[in-house]
C-alpha atoms as a PDB file:
ATOM      1  CA  MET A   1     -13.276 -23.348 -20.181  1.00  0.00           C
ATOM      2  CA  LEU A   2     -14.270 -19.855 -19.672  1.00  0.00           C
ATOM      3  CA  GLY A   3     -13.803 -18.200 -16.519  1.00  0.00           C
ATOM      4  CA  VAL A   4     -10.671 -20.239 -15.293  1.00  0.00           C
ATOM      5  CA  GLY A   5      -8.014 -17.962 -13.346  1.00  0.00           C
ATOM      6  CA  GLY A   6     -10.494 -15.627 -11.946  1.00  0.00           C
ATOM      7  CA  SER A   7     -12.872 -13.025 -13.207  1.00  0.00           C
ATOM      8  CA  ARG A   8     -12.067 -10.694 -15.918  1.00  0.00           C
ATOM      9  CA  ARG A   9     -10.922  -7.282 -15.095  1.00  0.00           C
ATOM     10  CA  ASN A  10     -10.522  -4.081 -16.989  1.00  0.00           C
ATOM     11  CA  LEU A  11      -7.066  -2.537 -16.211  1.00  0.00           C
ATOM     12  CA  GLY A  12      -6.527   1.092 -16.166  1.00  0.00           C
ATOM     13  CA  ARG A  13      -3.201   2.887 -16.981  1.00  0.00           C
ATOM     14  CA  GLU A  14      -2.226   3.082 -13.378  1.00  0.00           C
ATOM     15  CA  ALA A  15      -2.681  -0.751 -12.720  1.00  0.00           C
ATOM     16  CA  LEU A  16      -0.985  -1.711 -15.846  1.00  0.00           C
ATOM     17  CA  ARG A  17       2.079   0.226 -14.505  1.00  0.00           C
ATOM     18  CA  GLY A  18       2.109  -1.172 -11.195  1.00  0.00           C
ATOM     19  CA  ALA A  19       0.246   1.009  -8.894  1.00  0.00           C
ATOM     20  CA  GLY A  20      -0.745  -0.504  -5.833  1.00  0.00           C
ATOM     21  CA  ARG A  21       1.902  -3.028  -5.872  1.00  0.00           C
ATOM     22  CA  GLY A  22       5.019  -1.105  -4.233  1.00  0.00           C
ATOM     23  CA  GLY A  23       3.983   2.190  -5.369  1.00  0.00           C
ATOM     24  CA  GLY A  24       4.640   1.759  -8.868  1.00  0.00           C
ATOM     25  CA  VAL A  25       8.512   1.420  -8.239  1.00  0.00           C
ATOM     26  CA  GLY A  26      10.290   0.142 -11.363  1.00  0.00           C
ATOM     27  CA  GLY A  27       7.378   0.397 -13.680  1.00  0.00           C
ATOM     28  CA  VAL A  28       6.999   2.116 -16.842  1.00  0.00           C
ATOM     29  CA  GLY A  29       8.024   5.736 -16.964  1.00  0.00           C
ATOM     30  CA  GLY A  30      10.114   4.911 -13.651  1.00  0.00           C
ATOM     31  CA  GLY A  31      10.674   7.995 -11.262  1.00  0.00           C
ATOM     32  CA  LEU A  32       9.800   8.358  -7.653  1.00  0.00           C
ATOM     33  CA  ASP A  33       6.445   7.041  -5.989  1.00  0.00           C
ATOM     34  CA  PRO A  34       4.486   9.998  -4.526  1.00  0.00           C
ATOM     35  CA  GLN A  35       5.562   9.540  -1.006  1.00  0.00           C
ATOM     36  CA  ALA A  36       9.202   9.672  -1.992  1.00  0.00           C
ATOM     37  CA  ARG A  37       8.599  12.802  -4.178  1.00  0.00           C
ATOM     38  CA  LYS A  38       6.980  14.358  -1.093  1.00  0.00           C
ATOM     39  CA  ARG A  39       9.955  13.458   1.385  1.00  0.00           C
ATOM     40  CA  GLU A  40      12.462  14.903  -1.334  1.00  0.00           C
ATOM     41  CA  LEU A  41      10.530  18.281  -1.738  1.00  0.00           C
ATOM     42  CA  LEU A  42      10.171  18.618   2.115  1.00  0.00           C
ATOM     43  CA  ARG A  43      13.989  17.841   2.585  1.00  0.00           C
ATOM     44  CA  ARG A  44      14.807  20.469  -0.120  1.00  0.00           C
ATOM     45  CA  LEU A  45      12.437  23.176   1.385  1.00  0.00           C
ATOM     46  CA  GLU A  46      13.847  22.680   5.016  1.00  0.00           C
ATOM     47  CA  GLU A  47      17.276  23.061   3.452  1.00  0.00           C
ATOM     48  CA  GLN A  48      16.529  26.144   1.651  1.00  0.00           C
ATOM     49  CA  ARG A  49      14.961  27.579   4.909  1.00  0.00           C
ATOM     50  CA  LYS A  50      17.918  26.920   6.902  1.00  0.00           C
ATOM     51  CA  GLN A  51      20.211  28.422   4.517  1.00  0.00           C
ATOM     52  CA  ARG A  52      17.832  31.817   4.422  1.00  0.00           C
ATOM     53  CA  GLU A  53      18.021  31.710   8.417  1.00  0.00           C
ATOM     54  CA  GLN A  54      21.819  31.522   8.133  1.00  0.00           C
ATOM     55  CA  ARG A  55      22.013  34.632   5.831  1.00  0.00           C
ATOM     56  CA  GLU A  56      19.564  36.511   7.735  1.00  0.00           C
ATOM     57  CA  GLN A  57      21.453  35.906  11.038  1.00  0.00           C
ATOM     58  CA  ARG A  58      24.809  36.854   9.442  1.00  0.00           C
ATOM     59  CA  GLY A  59      23.062  39.935   8.147  1.00  0.00           C
ATOM     60  CA  GLN A  60      21.533  40.865  11.754  1.00  0.00           C
ATOM     61  CA  ARG A  61      25.071  40.294  13.123  1.00  0.00           C
ATOM     62  CA  GLY A  62      26.926  42.792  10.651  1.00  0.00           C
ATOM     63  CA  GLN A  63      23.873  45.333  11.403  1.00  0.00           C
ATOM     64  CA  ARG A  64      24.594  44.769  15.207  1.00  0.00           C
ATOM     65  CA  GLU A  65      28.057  45.433  14.994  1.00  0.00           C
ATOM     66  CA  GLN A  66      27.678  48.438  12.736  1.00  0.00           C
ATOM     67  CA  ARG A  67      25.331  49.804  15.508  1.00  0.00           C
ATOM     68  CA  ARG A  68      27.640  49.280  18.120  1.00  0.00           C
ATOM     69  CA  GLU A  69      30.521  50.874  16.339  1.00  0.00           C
ATOM     70  CA  GLU A  70      28.302  54.053  15.474  1.00  0.00           C
ATOM     71  CA  ALA A  71      27.543  54.149  19.210  1.00  0.00           C
ATOM     72  CA  ASP A  72      31.112  53.818  20.107  1.00  0.00           C
ATOM     73  CA  GLY A  73      32.280  56.423  17.759  1.00  0.00           C
ATOM     74  CA  THR A  74      34.472  53.833  16.242  1.00  0.00           C
ATOM     75  CA  ALA A  75      32.428  53.578  12.949  1.00  0.00           C
ATOM     76  CA  ARG A  76      34.850  53.160   9.830  1.00  0.00           C
ATOM     77  CA  PRO A  77      33.769  55.571   7.133  1.00  0.00           C
ATOM     78  CA  SER A  78      31.810  54.449   4.244  1.00  0.00           C
ATOM     79  CA  PRO A  79      33.357  54.705   0.729  1.00  0.00           C
END
């Protein structure tokens, strides 16, 4: 009885690994699905940006204090 159970379909590598069924989670090769990878990448980029901004703010505060001390005449001599 040919044809029982639906039409025959040639499956590609992605279909065999679960693509289209939950993003391939738990399939061969494991790893994160593309959206999860994107979320992780954006989270890391945002974290790096915040750290960079904090460093820049600390540096600006130090420069402001140094300028203020120079204007007041209370600047510490550089080694």
